[in-house]
Amino acid sequence: MPYINQQRREKLDNVVAVMLQEGVRANGDLNYILFKYCALVARPEASYVTYRNYLAELNETAHEIRRRLLVPYETGKIKENGDIL
């Protein structure tokens, strides 16, 4: 996870706040936003490396969601309901 400095976080948290206010969900909204952003930013400097870097960022985000959000959730549910193994 890229731990960016506090000043940058504050600015980016404003973007997240707008997304929350607008009701952005993981039902196609987020996919649209991320794809559109990548398409607009990457196009002027389009190259294999540029696109690969965007894919790497998205993959790392998925790994962080799994590691820091999904695994603790699943661990809690195992404790609550019992393991299946």
PDB file of N, CA and C in Angstrom:
ATOM      1  N   MET A   1       0.850  -1.180   0.000  1.00  0.00           N
ATOM      2  CA  MET A   1       0.000   0.000   0.000  1.00  0.00           C
ATOM      3  C   MET A   1       0.885   1.228   0.000  1.00  0.00           C
ATOM      4  N   PRO A   2       0.646   2.133  -0.911  1.00  0.00           N
ATOM      5  CA  PRO A   2       1.470   3.349  -0.929  1.00  0.00           C
ATOM      6  C   PRO A   2       0.996   4.326   0.144  1.00  0.00           C
ATOM      7  N   TYR A   3       1.774   4.453   1.163  1.00  0.00           N
ATOM      8  CA  TYR A   3       1.412   5.368   2.241  1.00  0.00           C
ATOM      9  C   TYR A   3       1.916   6.749   1.880  1.00  0.00           C
ATOM     10  N   ILE A   4       1.035   7.569   1.365  1.00  0.00           N
ATOM     11  CA  ILE A   4       1.401   8.900   0.896  1.00  0.00           C
ATOM     12  C   ILE A   4       1.360   9.878   2.069  1.00  0.00           C
ATOM     13  N   ASN A   5       2.033  11.013   1.890  1.00  0.00           N
ATOM     14  CA  ASN A   5       2.124  11.959   3.004  1.00  0.00           C
ATOM     15  C   ASN A   5       0.765  12.582   3.319  1.00  0.00           C
ATOM     16  N   GLN A   6       0.669  13.134   4.512  1.00  0.00           N
ATOM     17  CA  GLN A   6      -0.601  13.637   5.044  1.00  0.00           C
ATOM     18  C   GLN A   6      -1.204  14.751   4.180  1.00  0.00           C
ATOM     19  N   GLN A   7      -0.379  15.649   3.658  1.00  0.00           N
ATOM     20  CA  GLN A   7      -0.911  16.743   2.840  1.00  0.00           C
ATOM     21  C   GLN A   7      -1.581  16.200   1.574  1.00  0.00           C
ATOM     22  N   ARG A   8      -0.962  15.216   0.962  1.00  0.00           N
ATOM     23  CA  ARG A   8      -1.534  14.628  -0.251  1.00  0.00           C
ATOM     24  C   ARG A   8      -2.816  13.849   0.089  1.00  0.00           C
ATOM     25  N   ARG A   9      -2.795  13.159   1.216  1.00  0.00           N
ATOM     26  CA  ARG A   9      -3.989  12.419   1.649  1.00  0.00           C
ATOM     27  C   ARG A   9      -5.187  13.336   1.823  1.00  0.00           C
ATOM     28  N   GLU A  10      -4.958  14.492   2.438  1.00  0.00           N
ATOM     29  CA  GLU A  10      -6.059  15.439   2.660  1.00  0.00           C
ATOM     30  C   GLU A  10      -6.700  15.842   1.338  1.00  0.00           C
ATOM     31  N   LYS A  11      -5.887  16.097   0.331  1.00  0.00           N
ATOM     32  CA  LYS A  11      -6.423  16.480  -0.975  1.00  0.00           C
ATOM     33  C   LYS A  11      -7.193  15.323  -1.607  1.00  0.00           C
ATOM     34  N   LEU A  12      -6.635  14.138  -1.538  1.00  0.00           N
ATOM     35  CA  LEU A  12      -7.293  12.979  -2.138  1.00  0.00           C
ATOM     36  C   LEU A  12      -8.525  12.557  -1.352  1.00  0.00           C
ATOM     37  N   ASP A  13      -8.522  12.786  -0.050  1.00  0.00           N
ATOM     38  CA  ASP A  13      -9.711  12.488   0.753  1.00  0.00           C
ATOM     39  C   ASP A  13     -10.896  13.333   0.305  1.00  0.00           C
ATOM     40  N   ASN A  14     -10.622  14.527  -0.233  1.00  0.00           N
ATOM     41  CA  ASN A  14     -11.699  15.356  -0.782  1.00  0.00           C
ATOM     42  C   ASN A  14     -12.339  14.678  -1.987  1.00  0.00           C
ATOM     43  N   VAL A  15     -11.535  14.019  -2.809  1.00  0.00           N
ATOM     44  CA  VAL A  15     -12.063  13.279  -3.954  1.00  0.00           C
ATOM     45  C   VAL A  15     -12.935  12.125  -3.463  1.00  0.00           C
ATOM     46  N   VAL A  16     -12.459  11.425  -2.457  1.00  0.00           N
ATOM     47  CA  VAL A  16     -13.223  10.311  -1.888  1.00  0.00           C
ATOM     48  C   VAL A  16     -14.544  10.822  -1.301  1.00  0.00           C
ATOM     49  N   ALA A  17     -14.504  11.959  -0.639  1.00  0.00           N
ATOM     50  CA  ALA A  17     -15.726  12.539  -0.062  1.00  0.00           C
ATOM     51  C   ALA A  17     -16.755  12.841  -1.148  1.00  0.00           C
ATOM     52  N   VAL A  18     -16.306  13.367  -2.270  1.00  0.00           N
ATOM     53  CA  VAL A  18     -17.225  13.644  -3.384  1.00  0.00           C
ATOM     54  C   VAL A  18     -17.805  12.338  -3.917  1.00  0.00           C
ATOM     55  N   MET A  19     -16.965  11.315  -4.025  1.00  0.00           N
ATOM     56  CA  MET A  19     -17.454  10.014  -4.502  1.00  0.00           C
ATOM     57  C   MET A  19     -18.515   9.460  -3.564  1.00  0.00           C
ATOM     58  N   LEU A  20     -18.283   9.594  -2.254  1.00  0.00           N
ATOM     59  CA  LEU A  20     -19.282   9.144  -1.279  1.00  0.00           C
ATOM     60  C   LEU A  20     -20.575   9.948  -1.409  1.00  0.00           C
ATOM     61  N   GLN A  21     -20.427  11.259  -1.527  1.00  0.00           N
ATOM     62  CA  GLN A  21     -21.586  12.147  -1.654  1.00  0.00           C
ATOM     63  C   GLN A  21     -22.393  11.801  -2.907  1.00  0.00           C
ATOM     64  N   GLU A  22     -21.716  11.439  -3.977  1.00  0.00           N
ATOM     65  CA  GLU A  22     -22.386  11.108  -5.228  1.00  0.00           C
ATOM     66  C   GLU A  22     -22.900   9.671  -5.272  1.00  0.00           C
ATOM     67  N   GLY A  23     -22.620   8.920  -4.217  1.00  0.00           N
ATOM     68  CA  GLY A  23     -23.136   7.558  -4.138  1.00  0.00           C
ATOM     69  C   GLY A  23     -22.417   6.565  -5.038  1.00  0.00           C
ATOM     70  N   VAL A  24     -21.127   6.801  -5.306  1.00  0.00           N
ATOM     71  CA  VAL A  24     -20.358   5.888  -6.143  1.00  0.00           C
ATOM     72  C   VAL A  24     -20.289   4.532  -5.457  1.00  0.00           C
ATOM     73  N   ARG A  25     -20.629   3.497  -6.194  1.00  0.00           N
ATOM     74  CA  ARG A  25     -20.644   2.133  -5.673  1.00  0.00           C
ATOM     75  C   ARG A  25     -19.823   1.219  -6.584  1.00  0.00           C
ATOM     76  N   ALA A  26     -19.556   0.036  -6.069  1.00  0.00           N
ATOM     77  CA  ALA A  26     -18.845  -0.980  -6.855  1.00  0.00           C
ATOM     78  C   ALA A  26     -19.867  -1.800  -7.630  1.00  0.00           C
ATOM     79  N   ASN A  27     -20.662  -1.129  -8.421  1.00  0.00           N
ATOM     80  CA  ASN A  27     -21.696  -1.782  -9.225  1.00  0.00           C
ATOM     81  C   ASN A  27     -21.564  -1.379 -10.689  1.00  0.00           C
ATOM     82  N   GLY A  28     -20.380  -0.922 -11.036  1.00  0.00           N
ATOM     83  CA  GLY A  28     -20.119  -0.382 -12.368  1.00  0.00           C
ATOM     84  C   GLY A  28     -19.630   1.054 -12.281  1.00  0.00           C
ATOM     85  N   ASP A  29     -20.080   1.787 -11.260  1.00  0.00           N
ATOM     86  CA  ASP A  29     -19.653   3.180 -11.093  1.00  0.00           C
ATOM     87  C   ASP A  29     -18.136   3.286 -10.953  1.00  0.00           C
ATOM     88  N   LEU A  30     -17.601   2.517 -10.028  1.00  0.00           N
ATOM     89  CA  LEU A  30     -16.168   2.589  -9.752  1.00  0.00           C
ATOM     90  C   LEU A  30     -15.359   2.146 -10.963  1.00  0.00           C
ATOM     91  N   ASN A  31     -15.814   1.098 -11.623  1.00  0.00           N
ATOM     92  CA  ASN A  31     -15.156   0.622 -12.837  1.00  0.00           C
ATOM     93  C   ASN A  31     -15.120   1.738 -13.875  1.00  0.00           C
ATOM     94  N   TYR A  32     -16.253   2.399 -14.080  1.00  0.00           N
ATOM     95  CA  TYR A  32     -16.338   3.493 -15.043  1.00  0.00           C
ATOM     96  C   TYR A  32     -15.362   4.607 -14.691  1.00  0.00           C
ATOM     97  N   ILE A  33     -15.349   5.017 -13.434  1.00  0.00           N
ATOM     98  CA  ILE A  33     -14.483   6.121 -13.000  1.00  0.00           C
ATOM     99  C   ILE A  33     -13.013   5.776 -13.216  1.00  0.00           C
ATOM    100  N   LEU A  34     -12.609   4.591 -12.786  1.00  0.00           N
ATOM    101  CA  LEU A  34     -11.207   4.204 -12.911  1.00  0.00           C
ATOM    102  C   LEU A  34     -10.792   4.047 -14.370  1.00  0.00           C
ATOM    103  N   PHE A  35     -11.658   3.423 -15.178  1.00  0.00           N
ATOM    104  CA  PHE A  35     -11.337   3.265 -16.594  1.00  0.00           C
ATOM    105  C   PHE A  35     -11.245   4.616 -17.290  1.00  0.00           C
ATOM    106  N   LYS A  36     -12.228   5.470 -17.044  1.00  0.00           N
ATOM    107  CA  LYS A  36     -12.259   6.792 -17.689  1.00  0.00           C
ATOM    108  C   LYS A  36     -11.028   7.604 -17.305  1.00  0.00           C
ATOM    109  N   TYR A  37     -10.657   7.563 -16.017  1.00  0.00           N
ATOM    110  CA  TYR A  37      -9.469   8.282 -15.561  1.00  0.00           C
ATOM    111  C   TYR A  37      -8.221   7.768 -16.275  1.00  0.00           C
ATOM    112  N   CYS A  38      -8.070   6.450 -16.301  1.00  0.00           N
ATOM    113  CA  CYS A  38      -6.917   5.851 -16.963  1.00  0.00           C
ATOM    114  C   CYS A  38      -6.882   6.229 -18.434  1.00  0.00           C
ATOM    115  N   ALA A  39      -8.018   6.135 -19.098  1.00  0.00           N
ATOM    116  CA  ALA A  39      -8.085   6.444 -20.523  1.00  0.00           C
ATOM    117  C   ALA A  39      -7.705   7.896 -20.795  1.00  0.00           C
ATOM    118  N   LEU A  40      -8.168   8.809 -19.955  1.00  0.00           N
ATOM    119  CA  LEU A  40      -7.883  10.229 -20.173  1.00  0.00           C
ATOM    120  C   LEU A  40      -6.434  10.583 -19.847  1.00  0.00           C
ATOM    121  N   VAL A  41      -5.912  10.019 -18.794  1.00  0.00           N
ATOM    122  CA  VAL A  41      -4.553  10.369 -18.367  1.00  0.00           C
ATOM    123  C   VAL A  41      -3.506   9.631 -19.190  1.00  0.00           C
ATOM    124  N   ALA A  42      -3.754   8.383 -19.478  1.00  0.00           N
ATOM    125  CA  ALA A  42      -2.745   7.569 -20.155  1.00  0.00           C
ATOM    126  C   ALA A  42      -2.657   7.862 -21.650  1.00  0.00           C
ATOM    127  N   ARG A  43      -3.734   8.282 -22.238  1.00  0.00           N
ATOM    128  CA  ARG A  43      -3.769   8.426 -23.699  1.00  0.00           C
ATOM    129  C   ARG A  43      -2.648   9.308 -24.261  1.00  0.00           C
ATOM    130  N   PRO A  44      -2.382  10.482 -23.698  1.00  0.00           N
ATOM    131  CA  PRO A  44      -1.315  11.309 -24.290  1.00  0.00           C
ATOM    132  C   PRO A  44       0.055  10.619 -24.261  1.00  0.00           C
ATOM    133  N   GLU A  45       0.284   9.790 -23.278  1.00  0.00           N
ATOM    134  CA  GLU A  45       1.578   9.110 -23.153  1.00  0.00           C
ATOM    135  C   GLU A  45       1.412   7.605 -23.316  1.00  0.00           C
ATOM    136  N   ALA A  46       0.446   7.209 -24.117  1.00  0.00           N
ATOM    137  CA  ALA A  46       0.103   5.798 -24.249  1.00  0.00           C
ATOM    138  C   ALA A  46       1.316   4.962 -24.636  1.00  0.00           C
ATOM    139  N   SER A  47       1.541   3.934 -23.839  1.00  0.00           N
ATOM    140  CA  SER A  47       2.596   2.968 -24.112  1.00  0.00           C
ATOM    141  C   SER A  47       2.286   1.717 -23.309  1.00  0.00           C
ATOM    142  N   TYR A  48       2.967   0.655 -23.645  1.00  0.00           N
ATOM    143  CA  TYR A  48       2.805  -0.585 -22.892  1.00  0.00           C
ATOM    144  C   TYR A  48       3.090  -0.349 -21.421  1.00  0.00           C
ATOM    145  N   VAL A  49       4.149   0.369 -21.119  1.00  0.00           N
ATOM    146  CA  VAL A  49       4.551   0.613 -19.724  1.00  0.00           C
ATOM    147  C   VAL A  49       3.485   1.410 -18.989  1.00  0.00           C
ATOM    148  N   THR A  50       2.924   2.413 -19.626  1.00  0.00           N
ATOM    149  CA  THR A  50       1.883   3.222 -18.991  1.00  0.00           C
ATOM    150  C   THR A  50       0.679   2.359 -18.628  1.00  0.00           C
ATOM    151  N   TYR A  51       0.214   1.573 -19.584  1.00  0.00           N
ATOM    152  CA  TYR A  51      -0.941   0.720 -19.311  1.00  0.00           C
ATOM    153  C   TYR A  51      -0.608  -0.351 -18.275  1.00  0.00           C
ATOM    154  N   ARG A  52       0.589  -0.889 -18.346  1.00  0.00           N
ATOM    155  CA  ARG A  52       1.008  -1.889 -17.365  1.00  0.00           C
ATOM    156  C   ARG A  52       1.036  -1.275 -15.969  1.00  0.00           C
ATOM    157  N   ASN A  53       1.491  -0.034 -15.845  1.00  0.00           N
ATOM    158  CA  ASN A  53       1.526   0.626 -14.540  1.00  0.00           C
ATOM    159  C   ASN A  53       0.116   0.819 -13.978  1.00  0.00           C
ATOM    160  N   TYR A  54      -0.839   1.177 -14.829  1.00  0.00           N
ATOM    161  CA  TYR A  54      -2.217   1.309 -14.354  1.00  0.00           C
ATOM    162  C   TYR A  54      -2.749  -0.040 -13.888  1.00  0.00           C
ATOM    163  N   LEU A  55      -2.491  -1.091 -14.658  1.00  0.00           N
ATOM    164  CA  LEU A  55      -2.938  -2.424 -14.251  1.00  0.00           C
ATOM    165  C   LEU A  55      -2.282  -2.849 -12.945  1.00  0.00           C
ATOM    166  N   ALA A  56      -1.012  -2.534 -12.778  1.00  0.00           N
ATOM    167  CA  ALA A  56      -0.313  -2.880 -11.540  1.00  0.00           C
ATOM    168  C   ALA A  56      -0.938  -2.155 -10.351  1.00  0.00           C
ATOM    169  N   GLU A  57      -1.272  -0.893 -10.517  1.00  0.00           N
ATOM    170  CA  GLU A  57      -1.912  -0.137  -9.441  1.00  0.00           C
ATOM    171  C   GLU A  57      -3.255  -0.763  -9.066  1.00  0.00           C
ATOM    172  N   LEU A  58      -4.034  -1.120 -10.074  1.00  0.00           N
ATOM    173  CA  LEU A  58      -5.344  -1.729  -9.803  1.00  0.00           C
ATOM    174  C   LEU A  58      -5.182  -3.092  -9.134  1.00  0.00           C
ATOM    175  N   ASN A  59      -4.223  -3.880  -9.584  1.00  0.00           N
ATOM    176  CA  ASN A  59      -3.971  -5.183  -8.952  1.00  0.00           C
ATOM    177  C   ASN A  59      -3.537  -5.023  -7.503  1.00  0.00           C
ATOM    178  N   GLU A  60      -2.666  -4.087  -7.237  1.00  0.00           N
ATOM    179  CA  GLU A  60      -2.216  -3.860  -5.864  1.00  0.00           C
ATOM    180  C   GLU A  60      -3.366  -3.387  -4.985  1.00  0.00           C
ATOM    181  N   THR A  61      -4.252  -2.580  -5.546  1.00  0.00           N
ATOM    182  CA  THR A  61      -5.438  -2.151  -4.805  1.00  0.00           C
ATOM    183  C   THR A  61      -6.298  -3.352  -4.441  1.00  0.00           C
ATOM    184  N   ALA A  62      -6.493  -4.254  -5.399  1.00  0.00           N
ATOM    185  CA  ALA A  62      -7.274  -5.465  -5.130  1.00  0.00           C
ATOM    186  C   ALA A  62      -6.626  -6.293  -4.026  1.00  0.00           C
ATOM    187  N   HIS A  63      -5.309  -6.415  -4.062  1.00  0.00           N
ATOM    188  CA  HIS A  63      -4.611  -7.177  -3.025  1.00  0.00           C
ATOM    189  C   HIS A  63      -4.760  -6.518  -1.654  1.00  0.00           C
ATOM    190  N   GLU A  64      -4.698  -5.205  -1.596  1.00  0.00           N
ATOM    191  CA  GLU A  64      -4.860  -4.490  -0.325  1.00  0.00           C
ATOM    192  C   GLU A  64      -6.281  -4.644   0.217  1.00  0.00           C
ATOM    193  N   ILE A  65      -7.267  -4.586  -0.666  1.00  0.00           N
ATOM    194  CA  ILE A  65      -8.656  -4.782  -0.232  1.00  0.00           C
ATOM    195  C   ILE A  65      -8.798  -6.175   0.365  1.00  0.00           C
ATOM    196  N   ARG A  66      -8.237  -7.172  -0.309  1.00  0.00           N
ATOM    197  CA  ARG A  66      -8.318  -8.539   0.199  1.00  0.00           C
ATOM    198  C   ARG A  66      -7.599  -8.654   1.541  1.00  0.00           C
ATOM    199  N   ARG A  67      -6.365  -8.162   1.606  1.00  0.00           N
ATOM    200  CA  ARG A  67      -5.532  -8.332   2.801  1.00  0.00           C
ATOM    201  C   ARG A  67      -6.062  -7.565   4.004  1.00  0.00           C
ATOM    202  N   ARG A  68      -6.475  -6.315   3.780  1.00  0.00           N
ATOM    203  CA  ARG A  68      -6.796  -5.455   4.913  1.00  0.00           C
ATOM    204  C   ARG A  68      -8.281  -5.363   5.226  1.00  0.00           C
ATOM    205  N   LEU A  69      -9.143  -5.718   4.273  1.00  0.00           N
ATOM    206  CA  LEU A  69     -10.583  -5.614   4.509  1.00  0.00           C
ATOM    207  C   LEU A  69     -11.278  -6.971   4.472  1.00  0.00           C
ATOM    208  N   LEU A  70     -11.035  -7.749   3.422  1.00  0.00           N
ATOM    209  CA  LEU A  70     -11.760  -9.010   3.271  1.00  0.00           C
ATOM    210  C   LEU A  70     -11.287 -10.086   4.242  1.00  0.00           C
ATOM    211  N   VAL A  71      -9.984 -10.262   4.400  1.00  0.00           N
ATOM    212  CA  VAL A  71      -9.480 -11.306   5.304  1.00  0.00           C
ATOM    213  C   VAL A  71      -9.960 -11.075   6.738  1.00  0.00           C
ATOM    214  N   PRO A  72      -9.844  -9.862   7.288  1.00  0.00           N
ATOM    215  CA  PRO A  72     -10.376  -9.666   8.645  1.00  0.00           C
ATOM    216  C   PRO A  72     -11.884  -9.910   8.731  1.00  0.00           C
ATOM    217  N   TYR A  73     -12.626  -9.542   7.696  1.00  0.00           N
ATOM    218  CA  TYR A  73     -14.061  -9.794   7.674  1.00  0.00           C
ATOM    219  C   TYR A  73     -14.328 -11.292   7.721  1.00  0.00           C
ATOM    220  N   GLU A  74     -13.643 -12.042   6.846  1.00  0.00           N
ATOM    221  CA  GLU A  74     -13.840 -13.489   6.812  1.00  0.00           C
ATOM    222  C   GLU A  74     -13.403 -14.149   8.119  1.00  0.00           C
ATOM    223  N   THR A  75     -12.326 -13.679   8.712  1.00  0.00           N
ATOM    224  CA  THR A  75     -11.862 -14.219   9.988  1.00  0.00           C
ATOM    225  C   THR A  75     -12.926 -14.018  11.060  1.00  0.00           C
ATOM    226  N   GLY A  76     -13.533 -12.851  11.086  1.00  0.00           N
ATOM    227  CA  GLY A  76     -14.613 -12.576  12.033  1.00  0.00           C
ATOM    228  C   GLY A  76     -15.806 -13.481  11.818  1.00  0.00           C
ATOM    229  N   LYS A  77     -16.147 -13.723  10.563  1.00  0.00           N
ATOM    230  CA  LYS A  77     -17.281 -14.607  10.268  1.00  0.00           C
ATOM    231  C   LYS A  77     -16.971 -16.052  10.650  1.00  0.00           C
ATOM    232  N   ILE A  78     -15.720 -16.471  10.497  1.00  0.00           N
ATOM    233  CA  ILE A  78     -15.330 -17.816  10.932  1.00  0.00           C
ATOM    234  C   ILE A  78     -15.495 -17.939  12.441  1.00  0.00           C
ATOM    235  N   LYS A  79     -15.056 -16.915  13.175  1.00  0.00           N
ATOM    236  CA  LYS A  79     -15.195 -16.932  14.634  1.00  0.00           C
ATOM    237  C   LYS A  79     -16.678 -16.927  15.023  1.00  0.00           C
ATOM    238  N   GLU A  80     -17.463 -16.153  14.288  1.00  0.00           N
ATOM    239  CA  GLU A  80     -18.891 -16.022  14.604  1.00  0.00           C
ATOM    240  C   GLU A  80     -19.672 -17.301  14.280  1.00  0.00           C
ATOM    241  N   ASN A  81     -19.387 -17.908  13.146  1.00  0.00           N
ATOM    242  CA  ASN A  81     -20.202 -19.036  12.658  1.00  0.00           C
ATOM    243  C   ASN A  81     -19.499 -20.383  12.660  1.00  0.00           C
ATOM    244  N   GLY A  82     -18.219 -20.392  12.921  1.00  0.00           N
ATOM    245  CA  GLY A  82     -17.466 -21.645  12.883  1.00  0.00           C
ATOM    246  C   GLY A  82     -16.896 -21.894  11.499  1.00  0.00           C
ATOM    247  N   ASP A  83     -15.745 -22.552  11.478  1.00  0.00           N
ATOM    248  CA  ASP A  83     -15.072 -22.856  10.214  1.00  0.00           C
ATOM    249  C   ASP A  83     -15.734 -24.034   9.533  1.00  0.00           C
ATOM    250  N   ILE A  84     -15.547 -24.168   8.245  1.00  0.00           N
ATOM    251  CA  ILE A  84     -16.134 -25.296   7.505  1.00  0.00           C
ATOM    252  C   ILE A  84     -15.167 -26.450   7.357  1.00  0.00           C
ATOM    253  N   LEU A  85     -13.946 -26.285   7.793  1.00  0.00           N
ATOM    254  CA  LEU A  85     -12.947 -27.354   7.684  1.00  0.00           C
ATOM    255  C   LEU A  85     -12.873 -28.169   8.940  1.00  0.00           C
TER     256      LEU A  85
END
